[in-house]
Amino acid sequence: MAFRISFFLHNTYFLSLCLLFSFEKGFALSHISKHTHTVQFSSLLPSSICNPSTVPKDKASLEVIHKYGPCSQLHQENNVDHAQDIHLQDQARVNWINSHRPKKSTATAPANDTIYEQDATTLPAKTGAVIGSGDYIVKVGLGTPKEDLSLIFDTGSDLTWTQCQPCDGHCYKQSEAIFDPSKSTSYATVSCTSTECSQLKSSTGTAACSRTASTCTYDEGYGDGSYTEGYFAKETLTLESDEINNFLFGCGQNNGGLFRGAAGLLGLGRNKISIVEQAAQKYNRLFSYCLPATTSSSGYLTFGNSGGGGSVQYTPLLTPSGGLSSFYVLNLVGISVGGRRLEIPATAFQSGTVIDSGTVISRLPPAVYDALRTEFRKDMSRYPLVSGDRLLDTCYDFSGSANGTVEIPNITFLFGGGTSVDLGPENTLFGVSNPQRFCLAFAGNDKDDDIAIFGNVQQLTFQVVYDVGAARLGFAPGGCN
């Protein structure tokens, strides 16, 4: 069996609606050569009419909308400073990831290349734009009888948790009712002396026990200052019609930060307590997703058979250690711009490259980013370069472009195993308002030994396959189609 969760594009950072490439109002893309994309704009403003996508029946998707789109009651709030959001939250995420890096790279290539085949089962899902979060979310059931909860999913976290009554400390406002374990017949706490509590401690280092009680507790903090703490417990987790019994999760009694409406988090990391490992017998450590390019498009998160067939190109997953053990690390070996491979030292990516669902803008070693920016600017020299900011420093105003068309050089990421990922315009440029401009959707790290990060803007529209059992990760274009 397998499990698929459908969702829509969430990211309030990427989809600054005042500059959304006008996908809904006449965006057209054609390849004039293998090295260039031509983008035609009929308007720089989004449509004022709600025109949601038809939800594919085979994905069992629920209709969802973007927080600042015309289908949302919060449409009038689209004056949010998205660039400021990127600075404060995305950089905090990057700092958090780099805080986990080992002093020396210990990543190694996998020893096998086993391939698993499975069937598929689907589940409805939503995105953070609906409930105010800046992250992708999925809706799952918890408890008996089940309560539906919207959880952020995160490839860099292991612990799954939700806010729980009676909230002895603090609970922030969420869209659904806070989970009440006293109303569930399948809820059970975990003892301090249990194997489960030991797994929590070995995975996160956050397990603890009260001097006056024998119940296992947890304490988890995140890079943006968000936090959760409470009881480590067992419960029935429902994914569409599939049930995972005795699922280990955090029942949060004291929670705060930037979750903004989500009920908690679904951990997709690599350690023992993640859903990937807890459901390993059911889904064989295999999941995939596609992040769509527009507010009106749908995507999915799948556990089990990912589909894609021969169109998926696989690259080995490296085996990290130490603080990076929860993350998925790739071997990035090169980048080309407009068909020209950048001259990058072989040691440039020695700290590894993390692929992350929670980082918006990809980060590169300083020398690599400088080379990428230089080549990109050469190919974009016909367009006026306008002021950027510290993070997004290569920005353009396309309002005066002839016939409303813009030619963008193709950027290709080259990974170990001969895998190449050709980025489209939606993966290359990032719309920024106040003032209106389009910026190169990459940034340089502060230090040479900081970890490179392949962010979610660069993952848009690709089917991204995490075949953890076979120690490989795959990309396929057109994954949301």
Protein backbone atom coordinates (compact mmCIF):
# COMPACT_ATOMS: atom_id res chain seq x y z
CA MET A 1 0.00 0.00 0.00
CA ALA A 2 0.98 3.64 -0.40
CA PHE A 3 -0.37 6.96 0.66
CA ARG A 4 -0.74 10.25 -1.18
CA ILE A 5 -1.55 13.65 0.29
CA SER A 6 -2.63 16.45 -2.07
CA PHE A 7 -1.97 20.12 -1.48
CA PHE A 8 -1.67 23.50 -3.16
CA LEU A 9 1.23 25.95 -3.32
CA HIS A 10 1.52 27.69 0.03
CA ASN A 11 4.37 29.99 -0.06
CA THR A 12 3.53 33.54 0.79
CA TYR A 13 7.17 34.37 0.15
CA PHE A 14 7.36 33.11 -3.40
CA LEU A 15 3.86 34.05 -4.52
CA SER A 16 3.92 37.77 -3.96
CA LEU A 17 0.71 38.14 -5.89
CA CYS A 18 1.40 41.58 -7.25
CA LEU A 19 4.14 40.01 -9.36
CA LEU A 20 3.10 36.43 -9.92
CA PHE A 21 4.40 36.09 -13.50
CA SER A 22 0.69 36.34 -14.38
CA PHE A 23 0.34 32.59 -14.64
CA GLU A 24 -3.43 33.06 -14.37
CA LYS A 25 -3.48 35.88 -16.93
CA GLY A 26 -1.48 34.81 -19.91
CA PHE A 27 1.82 33.33 -18.86
CA ALA A 28 3.34 31.45 -21.77
CA LEU A 29 6.61 29.57 -21.87
CA SER A 30 8.50 28.26 -24.87
CA HIS A 31 12.03 26.96 -25.29
CA ILE A 32 13.81 28.94 -28.00
CA SER A 33 16.85 26.82 -27.39
CA LYS A 34 18.03 24.34 -24.84
CA HIS A 35 19.89 27.17 -23.14
CA THR A 36 17.12 29.80 -22.89
CA HIS A 37 13.49 30.18 -21.82
CA THR A 38 11.20 32.81 -23.31
CA VAL A 39 8.54 34.13 -20.95
CA GLN A 40 5.60 36.21 -22.20
CA PHE A 41 3.57 38.38 -19.85
CA SER A 42 0.11 39.67 -20.67
CA SER A 43 -0.03 41.44 -17.32
CA LEU A 44 1.98 41.79 -14.15
CA LEU A 45 -1.12 41.79 -12.00
CA PRO A 46 -3.06 38.70 -10.90
CA SER A 47 -6.65 38.14 -11.88
CA SER A 48 -9.24 39.57 -9.50
CA ILE A 49 -11.59 36.65 -10.22
CA CYS A 50 -11.46 33.45 -8.25
CA ASN A 51 -10.82 30.63 -10.72
CA PRO A 52 -9.67 27.57 -8.77
CA SER A 53 -8.32 24.46 -10.44
CA THR A 54 -10.31 21.30 -10.98
CA VAL A 55 -9.14 18.84 -8.37
CA PRO A 56 -7.92 15.59 -10.01
CA LYS A 57 -10.05 12.68 -8.84
CA ASP A 58 -7.15 10.25 -8.82
CA LYS A 59 -5.35 12.37 -6.24
CA ALA A 60 -8.37 12.64 -3.91
CA SER A 61 -7.53 16.31 -3.56
CA LEU A 62 -9.46 18.94 -1.69
CA GLU A 63 -9.69 22.43 -3.12
CA VAL A 64 -7.47 24.93 -1.33
CA ILE A 65 -6.61 28.55 -1.98
CA HIS A 66 -3.71 30.90 -1.47
CA LYS A 67 -3.88 33.14 1.58
CA TYR A 68 -3.60 36.30 -0.51
CA GLY A 69 -5.40 35.06 -3.62
CA PRO A 70 -8.81 36.26 -4.87
CA CYS A 71 -10.53 33.16 -3.43
CA SER A 72 -9.39 34.02 0.10
CA GLN A 73 -11.18 36.21 2.63
CA LEU A 74 -7.72 37.58 3.43
CA HIS A 75 -7.28 38.89 -0.11
CA GLN A 76 -7.17 42.49 1.13
CA GLU A 77 -4.09 41.68 3.21
CA ASN A 78 -1.84 41.22 0.18
CA ASN A 79 0.27 44.22 1.17
CA VAL A 80 2.37 42.03 3.48
CA ASP A 81 6.11 42.72 3.08
CA HIS A 82 7.19 39.34 1.71
CA ALA A 83 10.82 40.39 1.37
CA GLN A 84 10.90 41.11 5.08
CA ASP A 85 9.37 37.68 5.73
CA ILE A 86 12.18 36.07 3.74
CA HIS A 87 14.84 37.93 5.69
CA LEU A 88 13.45 37.07 9.10
CA GLN A 89 12.09 33.55 8.68
CA ASP A 90 13.99 32.00 5.79
CA GLN A 91 17.36 33.14 7.10
CA ALA A 92 16.47 31.81 10.54
CA ARG A 93 15.73 28.44 8.92
CA VAL A 94 19.10 28.51 7.15
CA ASN A 95 20.90 29.39 10.38
CA TRP A 96 19.12 26.52 12.12
CA ILE A 97 20.25 24.01 9.47
CA ASN A 98 23.83 25.26 9.63
CA SER A 99 23.82 24.93 13.39
CA HIS A 100 23.50 21.17 12.84
CA ARG A 101 26.44 20.84 10.45
CA PRO A 102 29.41 18.71 11.54
CA LYS A 103 32.83 20.33 11.75
CA LYS A 104 34.01 18.07 8.97
CA SER A 105 31.94 16.47 6.23
CA THR A 106 31.14 12.88 7.09
CA ALA A 107 28.62 12.21 4.34
CA THR A 108 29.22 9.02 2.39
CA ALA A 109 27.64 7.43 -0.65
CA PRO A 110 25.16 4.58 -0.13
CA ALA A 111 26.24 0.99 -0.40
CA ASN A 112 23.29 -0.33 -2.40
CA ASP A 113 20.71 0.65 -4.98
CA THR A 114 17.68 -1.45 -4.11
CA ILE A 115 14.43 -0.53 -5.86
CA TYR A 116 11.02 -0.99 -4.26
CA GLU A 117 7.67 -1.09 -6.04
CA GLN A 118 4.33 -0.39 -4.33
CA ASP A 119 0.71 0.62 -4.96
CA ALA A 120 -0.78 4.01 -4.13
CA THR A 121 -3.46 5.36 -1.79
CA THR A 122 -4.42 9.04 -1.64
CA LEU A 123 -5.41 11.54 1.03
CA PRO A 124 -6.77 15.13 1.01
CA ALA A 125 -4.50 17.93 2.15
CA LYS A 126 -4.20 21.69 2.38
CA THR A 127 -1.49 24.32 2.46
CA GLY A 128 -0.35 26.81 5.01
CA ALA A 129 -1.76 29.68 2.96
CA VAL A 130 -5.25 28.62 4.00
CA ILE A 131 -4.68 28.84 7.74
CA GLY A 132 -2.00 31.49 7.93
CA SER A 133 1.16 29.37 8.06
CA GLY A 134 4.09 29.96 5.72
CA ASP A 135 4.64 26.22 5.24
CA TYR A 136 3.02 23.35 3.38
CA ILE A 137 0.44 21.51 5.43
CA VAL A 138 -1.46 18.24 5.21
CA LYS A 139 -4.65 17.22 6.94
CA VAL A 140 -4.50 13.98 8.91
CA GLY A 141 -6.73 12.28 11.46
CA LEU A 142 -5.62 11.69 15.04
CA GLY A 143 -7.27 9.67 17.77
CA THR A 144 -10.32 7.39 18.10
CA PRO A 145 -12.71 8.75 17.00
CA LYS A 146 -10.36 10.74 14.80
CA GLU A 147 -10.04 14.49 14.82
CA ASP A 148 -8.87 16.15 11.60
CA LEU A 149 -5.77 18.29 12.08
CA SER A 150 -3.74 20.45 9.69
CA LEU A 151 -0.04 19.75 10.17
CA ILE A 152 2.97 21.44 8.57
CA PHE A 153 5.15 18.81 6.94
CA ASP A 154 8.89 19.19 7.19
CA THR A 155 11.68 17.12 5.62
CA GLY A 156 14.14 18.46 8.19
CA SER A 157 12.26 17.38 11.34
CA ASP A 158 11.60 13.96 12.88
CA LEU A 159 9.07 14.54 15.63
CA THR A 160 5.39 14.75 14.70
CA TRP A 161 3.41 16.81 17.21
CA THR A 162 0.17 18.66 17.72
CA GLN A 163 -1.18 21.04 20.32
CA CYS A 164 -3.09 19.21 23.04
CA GLN A 165 -5.62 20.08 25.70
CA PRO A 166 -5.51 21.11 28.50
CA CYS A 167 -2.60 23.38 27.38
CA ASP A 168 -1.04 23.68 30.81
CA GLY A 169 1.47 26.18 29.42
CA HIS A 170 0.51 28.10 26.29
CA CYS A 171 -1.28 27.23 23.04
CA TYR A 172 -1.40 29.58 20.05
CA LYS A 173 -4.53 30.03 17.95
CA GLN A 174 -5.11 27.28 15.35
CA SER A 175 -7.79 26.77 12.72
CA GLU A 176 -9.22 23.53 14.13
CA ALA A 177 -10.17 22.62 17.66
CA ILE A 178 -7.15 21.68 19.77
CA PHE A 179 -6.76 17.92 20.10
CA ASP A 180 -8.18 16.57 23.37
CA PRO A 181 -6.56 13.21 24.25
CA SER A 182 -9.12 12.57 26.98
CA LYS A 183 -11.75 12.05 24.28
CA SER A 184 -9.72 9.39 22.45
CA THR A 185 -9.87 5.70 23.34
CA SER A 186 -6.52 4.98 21.66
CA TYR A 187 -4.36 7.60 23.39
CA ALA A 188 -1.61 6.39 25.73
CA THR A 189 1.37 8.11 27.31
CA VAL A 190 4.90 6.69 27.06
CA SER A 191 6.91 5.63 30.10
CA CYS A 192 10.33 7.11 30.82
CA THR A 193 11.82 3.63 30.95
CA SER A 194 10.34 2.53 27.62
CA THR A 195 12.19 1.84 24.37
CA GLU A 196 10.06 4.54 22.73
CA CYS A 197 11.33 7.22 25.09
CA SER A 198 14.89 6.10 24.36
CA GLN A 199 14.21 6.46 20.62
CA LEU A 200 13.06 10.02 21.16
CA LYS A 201 16.19 10.88 23.08
CA SER A 202 18.51 9.29 20.52
CA SER A 203 16.71 11.06 17.66
CA THR A 204 16.32 14.54 19.07
CA GLY A 205 18.13 14.74 22.39
CA THR A 206 14.97 16.30 23.84
CA ALA A 207 13.48 13.48 25.91
CA ALA A 208 13.18 14.12 29.61
CA CYS A 209 11.42 12.81 32.68
CA SER A 210 9.93 14.62 35.62
CA ARG A 211 11.28 13.83 39.06
CA THR A 212 7.71 13.39 40.27
CA ALA A 213 6.32 11.42 37.33
CA SER A 214 7.31 8.56 35.05
CA THR A 215 5.85 9.98 31.83
CA CYS A 216 8.22 10.73 28.95
CA THR A 217 8.23 14.36 27.89
CA TYR A 218 9.81 16.29 25.01
CA ASP A 219 11.07 19.80 24.29
CA GLU A 220 11.64 20.88 20.68
CA GLY A 221 12.87 24.22 19.33
CA TYR A 222 13.09 25.51 15.74
CA GLY A 223 15.31 27.95 13.89
CA ASP A 224 12.78 30.78 13.81
CA GLY A 225 12.31 30.74 17.58
CA SER A 226 9.20 28.56 17.51
CA TYR A 227 8.92 25.83 20.12
CA THR A 228 6.81 22.99 21.49
CA GLU A 229 6.98 20.91 24.65
CA GLY A 230 4.69 18.34 26.18
CA TYR A 231 4.09 14.62 26.56
CA PHE A 232 5.50 11.94 24.26
CA ALA A 233 2.58 9.61 23.55
CA LYS A 234 1.00 6.94 21.32
CA GLU A 235 -2.08 7.45 19.19
CA THR A 236 -3.82 6.24 16.06
CA LEU A 237 -2.82 8.34 13.03
CA THR A 238 -5.25 8.19 10.09
CA LEU A 239 -4.10 8.94 6.54
CA GLU A 240 -7.22 8.88 4.37
CA SER A 241 -8.39 5.30 5.02
CA ASP A 242 -5.03 4.00 6.24
CA GLU A 243 -4.42 3.78 9.96
CA ILE A 244 -1.07 3.72 11.75
CA ASN A 245 -1.66 2.33 15.21
CA ASN A 246 0.49 3.24 18.20
CA PHE A 247 2.01 6.15 16.31
CA LEU A 248 4.50 8.03 18.47
CA PHE A 249 3.95 11.79 18.58
CA GLY A 250 4.30 14.86 20.77
CA CYS A 251 1.21 16.03 22.64
CA GLY A 252 2.11 19.70 23.02
CA GLN A 253 1.21 21.46 26.26
CA ASN A 254 3.31 24.58 25.73
CA ASN A 255 3.71 25.86 22.17
CA GLY A 256 4.51 29.11 20.45
CA GLY A 257 6.13 30.83 17.50
CA LEU A 258 5.31 31.20 13.81
CA PHE A 259 3.09 28.20 13.16
CA ARG A 260 0.18 30.64 12.73
CA GLY A 261 -2.88 28.44 12.55
CA ALA A 262 -1.42 24.99 11.89
CA ALA A 263 -2.17 22.40 14.55
CA GLY A 264 1.42 21.17 14.62
CA LEU A 265 4.00 19.44 12.46
CA LEU A 266 4.45 16.17 10.54
CA GLY A 267 8.09 15.06 10.69
CA LEU A 268 9.50 13.57 7.48
CA GLY A 269 13.12 13.33 8.62
CA ARG A 270 15.42 10.30 8.66
CA ASN A 271 15.49 9.31 12.33
CA LYS A 272 13.54 6.62 14.21
CA ILE A 273 10.59 8.68 15.34
CA SER A 274 9.76 10.23 11.93
CA ILE A 275 6.65 9.05 10.10
CA VAL A 276 8.94 7.72 7.35
CA GLU A 277 10.53 5.29 9.81
CA GLN A 278 7.45 4.55 11.92
CA ALA A 279 5.52 3.55 8.79
CA ALA A 280 8.48 1.82 7.12
CA GLN A 281 6.77 -1.59 6.93
CA LYS A 282 3.70 -0.07 5.28
CA TYR A 283 5.38 2.36 2.84
CA ASN A 284 8.95 1.03 2.60
CA ARG A 285 10.59 4.38 3.43
CA LEU A 286 9.39 5.88 0.15
CA PHE A 287 7.63 9.21 -0.30
CA SER A 288 7.43 11.94 -2.92
CA TYR A 289 5.82 15.30 -3.54
CA CYS A 290 5.25 17.96 -6.16
CA LEU A 291 5.01 21.64 -5.29
CA PRO A 292 2.87 23.43 -7.91
CA ALA A 293 3.80 26.74 -9.49
CA THR A 294 0.55 28.70 -9.12
CA THR A 295 -2.05 29.59 -6.52
CA SER A 296 -4.72 27.74 -8.49
CA SER A 297 -2.75 24.54 -9.07
CA SER A 298 -2.70 21.36 -7.01
CA GLY A 299 0.16 19.16 -5.91
CA TYR A 300 0.64 16.15 -3.69
CA LEU A 301 2.66 14.40 -1.06
CA THR A 302 2.84 10.63 -1.51
CA PHE A 303 3.92 7.83 0.79
CA GLY A 304 4.62 4.60 -1.07
CA ASN A 305 4.75 4.18 -4.83
CA SER A 306 5.67 7.52 -6.37
CA GLY A 307 4.93 6.82 -10.02
CA GLY A 308 7.00 8.77 -12.51
CA GLY A 309 8.42 5.64 -14.15
CA GLY A 310 11.44 6.14 -16.36
CA SER A 311 11.17 9.94 -16.28
CA VAL A 312 12.65 10.07 -12.77
CA GLN A 313 16.40 10.73 -12.61
CA TYR A 314 17.95 9.47 -9.39
CA THR A 315 20.95 10.73 -7.49
CA PRO A 316 22.43 8.98 -4.43
CA LEU A 317 21.36 10.14 -0.99
CA LEU A 318 24.43 10.69 1.12
CA THR A 319 24.58 9.34 4.65
CA PRO A 320 25.16 12.23 7.04
CA SER A 321 26.07 11.94 10.70
CA GLY A 322 25.96 14.04 13.82
CA GLY A 323 23.56 16.96 13.81
CA LEU A 324 22.62 16.47 10.15
CA SER A 325 21.24 12.97 10.70
CA SER A 326 17.63 14.13 10.22
CA PHE A 327 18.30 15.83 6.88
CA TYR A 328 18.42 14.57 3.30
CA VAL A 329 21.83 15.36 1.81
CA LEU A 330 22.74 15.29 -1.89
CA ASN A 331 26.01 15.44 -3.80
CA LEU A 332 25.80 18.64 -5.84
CA VAL A 333 28.72 18.59 -8.28
CA GLY A 334 28.12 21.52 -10.61
CA ILE A 335 25.87 24.23 -12.05
CA SER A 336 25.48 25.51 -15.60
CA VAL A 337 23.98 28.80 -16.79
CA GLY A 338 22.86 29.21 -20.37
CA GLY A 339 24.59 25.96 -21.28
CA ARG A 340 27.92 27.05 -19.79
CA ARG A 341 29.18 25.10 -16.81
CA LEU A 342 30.45 27.33 -14.04
CA GLU A 343 34.10 27.04 -13.11
CA ILE A 344 33.72 25.83 -9.54
CA PRO A 345 36.46 24.26 -7.41
CA ALA A 346 35.93 20.57 -6.68
CA THR A 347 35.89 21.37 -2.96
CA ALA A 348 33.10 23.97 -3.23
CA PHE A 349 30.36 21.65 -2.01
CA GLN A 350 32.40 19.61 0.47
CA SER A 351 29.98 20.44 3.31
CA GLY A 352 27.14 18.77 1.39
CA THR A 353 23.85 20.04 -0.02
CA VAL A 354 20.63 19.66 1.94
CA ILE A 355 17.33 19.45 0.05
CA ASP A 356 14.77 21.12 2.28
CA SER A 357 11.01 21.64 2.08
CA GLY A 358 11.11 24.50 4.58
CA THR A 359 13.78 26.78 3.04
CA VAL A 360 12.41 29.12 0.36
CA ILE A 361 15.51 30.55 -1.35
CA SER A 362 18.35 28.16 -2.23
CA ARG A 363 21.69 28.94 -0.61
CA LEU A 364 25.08 28.39 -2.28
CA PRO A 365 28.70 28.74 -1.15
CA PRO A 366 29.82 32.38 -1.62
CA ALA A 367 32.18 31.67 -4.55
CA VAL A 368 29.56 29.50 -6.29
CA TYR A 369 26.86 32.11 -5.92
CA ASP A 370 29.19 34.84 -7.21
CA ALA A 371 29.90 32.76 -10.33
CA LEU A 372 26.19 32.02 -10.85
CA ARG A 373 25.22 35.65 -10.44
CA THR A 374 27.95 36.85 -12.82
CA GLU A 375 26.88 34.51 -15.63
CA PHE A 376 23.19 35.18 -15.07
CA ARG A 377 23.72 38.94 -15.23
CA LYS A 378 25.68 38.57 -18.48
CA ASP A 379 22.77 36.79 -20.12
CA MET A 380 20.28 39.30 -18.69
CA SER A 381 22.29 42.40 -19.62
CA ARG A 382 19.59 43.65 -22.00
CA TYR A 383 17.23 44.22 -19.05
CA PRO A 384 17.66 47.03 -16.51
CA LEU A 385 19.18 45.84 -13.24
CA VAL A 386 17.34 47.48 -10.34
CA SER A 387 18.08 47.72 -6.64
CA GLY A 388 17.80 44.54 -4.64
CA ASP A 389 18.51 43.82 -1.01
CA ARG A 390 20.99 41.85 1.07
CA LEU A 391 19.38 38.49 0.29
CA LEU A 392 18.07 39.01 -3.25
CA ASP A 393 20.65 41.21 -4.93
CA THR A 394 20.04 40.57 -8.64
CA CYS A 395 16.68 42.09 -9.57
CA TYR A 396 15.05 43.36 -12.78
CA ASP A 397 12.17 45.51 -13.93
CA PHE A 398 10.59 43.88 -16.98
CA SER A 399 7.84 46.46 -17.52
CA GLY A 400 9.58 47.91 -20.59
CA SER A 401 10.34 44.60 -22.31
CA ALA A 402 9.49 44.50 -26.01
CA ASN A 403 6.26 42.63 -26.78
CA GLY A 404 6.05 41.67 -23.13
CA THR A 405 8.58 38.87 -23.54
CA VAL A 406 11.67 38.09 -21.50
CA GLU A 407 14.44 35.61 -22.29
CA ILE A 408 15.82 33.84 -19.22
CA PRO A 409 18.95 31.67 -19.31
CA ASN A 410 18.43 28.06 -18.38
CA ILE A 411 20.03 27.09 -15.06
CA THR A 412 20.90 23.41 -14.57
CA PHE A 413 21.91 21.76 -11.32
CA LEU A 414 24.18 18.74 -11.71
CA PHE A 415 24.08 16.05 -9.02
CA GLY A 416 26.07 12.87 -8.44
CA GLY A 417 25.09 9.85 -10.52
CA GLY A 418 24.73 11.93 -13.68
CA THR A 419 21.45 13.56 -12.63
CA SER A 420 20.72 16.98 -14.11
CA VAL A 421 17.81 19.20 -13.05
CA ASP A 422 16.85 21.89 -15.58
CA LEU A 423 15.16 24.79 -13.81
CA GLY A 424 12.29 26.71 -15.35
CA PRO A 425 11.39 30.40 -14.91
CA GLU A 426 9.30 29.58 -11.84
CA ASN A 427 12.42 28.02 -10.29
CA THR A 428 14.73 30.87 -11.34
CA LEU A 429 12.98 34.16 -10.63
CA PHE A 430 11.25 35.32 -7.46
CA GLY A 431 8.57 38.01 -7.47
CA VAL A 432 9.14 40.80 -4.95
CA SER A 433 6.83 43.73 -4.29
CA ASN A 434 7.48 47.24 -2.94
CA PRO A 435 8.83 48.10 -5.45
CA GLN A 436 7.80 45.56 -8.08
CA ARG A 437 10.72 43.53 -9.39
CA PHE A 438 11.81 40.02 -10.27
CA CYS A 439 14.94 38.71 -8.57
CA LEU A 440 17.29 35.78 -9.05
CA ALA A 441 15.96 33.19 -6.61
CA PHE A 442 19.32 32.24 -5.08
CA ALA A 443 21.52 33.66 -2.35
CA GLY A 444 25.06 33.17 -1.12
CA ASN A 445 25.93 31.70 2.25
CA ASP A 446 27.88 33.81 4.72
CA LYS A 447 30.71 31.29 5.12
CA ASP A 448 32.52 28.91 2.78
CA ASP A 449 31.82 25.92 5.02
CA ASP A 450 28.09 26.64 5.41
CA ILE A 451 25.82 23.96 3.98
CA ALA A 452 24.36 24.49 0.51
CA ILE A 453 20.56 24.23 0.51
CA PHE A 454 18.29 23.29 -2.39
CA GLY A 455 15.16 25.25 -1.44
CA ASN A 456 11.51 24.85 -2.29
CA VAL A 457 11.40 27.50 -5.05
CA GLN A 458 13.82 25.36 -7.05
CA GLN A 459 11.64 22.29 -6.40
CA LEU A 460 8.42 23.78 -7.81
CA THR A 461 6.64 21.61 -10.45
CA PHE A 462 9.12 18.72 -10.08
CA GLN A 463 8.16 15.34 -8.75
CA VAL A 464 10.72 14.87 -5.98
CA VAL A 465 11.07 11.22 -4.95
CA TYR A 466 12.63 10.26 -1.60
CA ASP A 467 13.48 6.58 -1.95
CA VAL A 468 15.11 6.34 1.46
CA GLY A 469 15.14 2.53 1.45
CA ALA A 470 17.26 2.56 -1.70
CA ALA A 471 19.32 5.56 -0.51
CA ARG A 472 18.45 7.69 -3.52
CA LEU A 473 16.47 10.79 -4.43
CA GLY A 474 14.87 11.43 -7.80
CA PHE A 475 13.58 14.34 -9.89
CA ALA A 476 11.05 14.26 -12.71
CA PRO A 477 9.81 17.35 -14.61
CA GLY A 478 6.11 18.10 -14.85
CA GLY A 479 5.40 16.27 -11.62
CA CYS A 480 2.14 18.08 -10.83
CA ASN A 481 0.52 17.32 -14.20
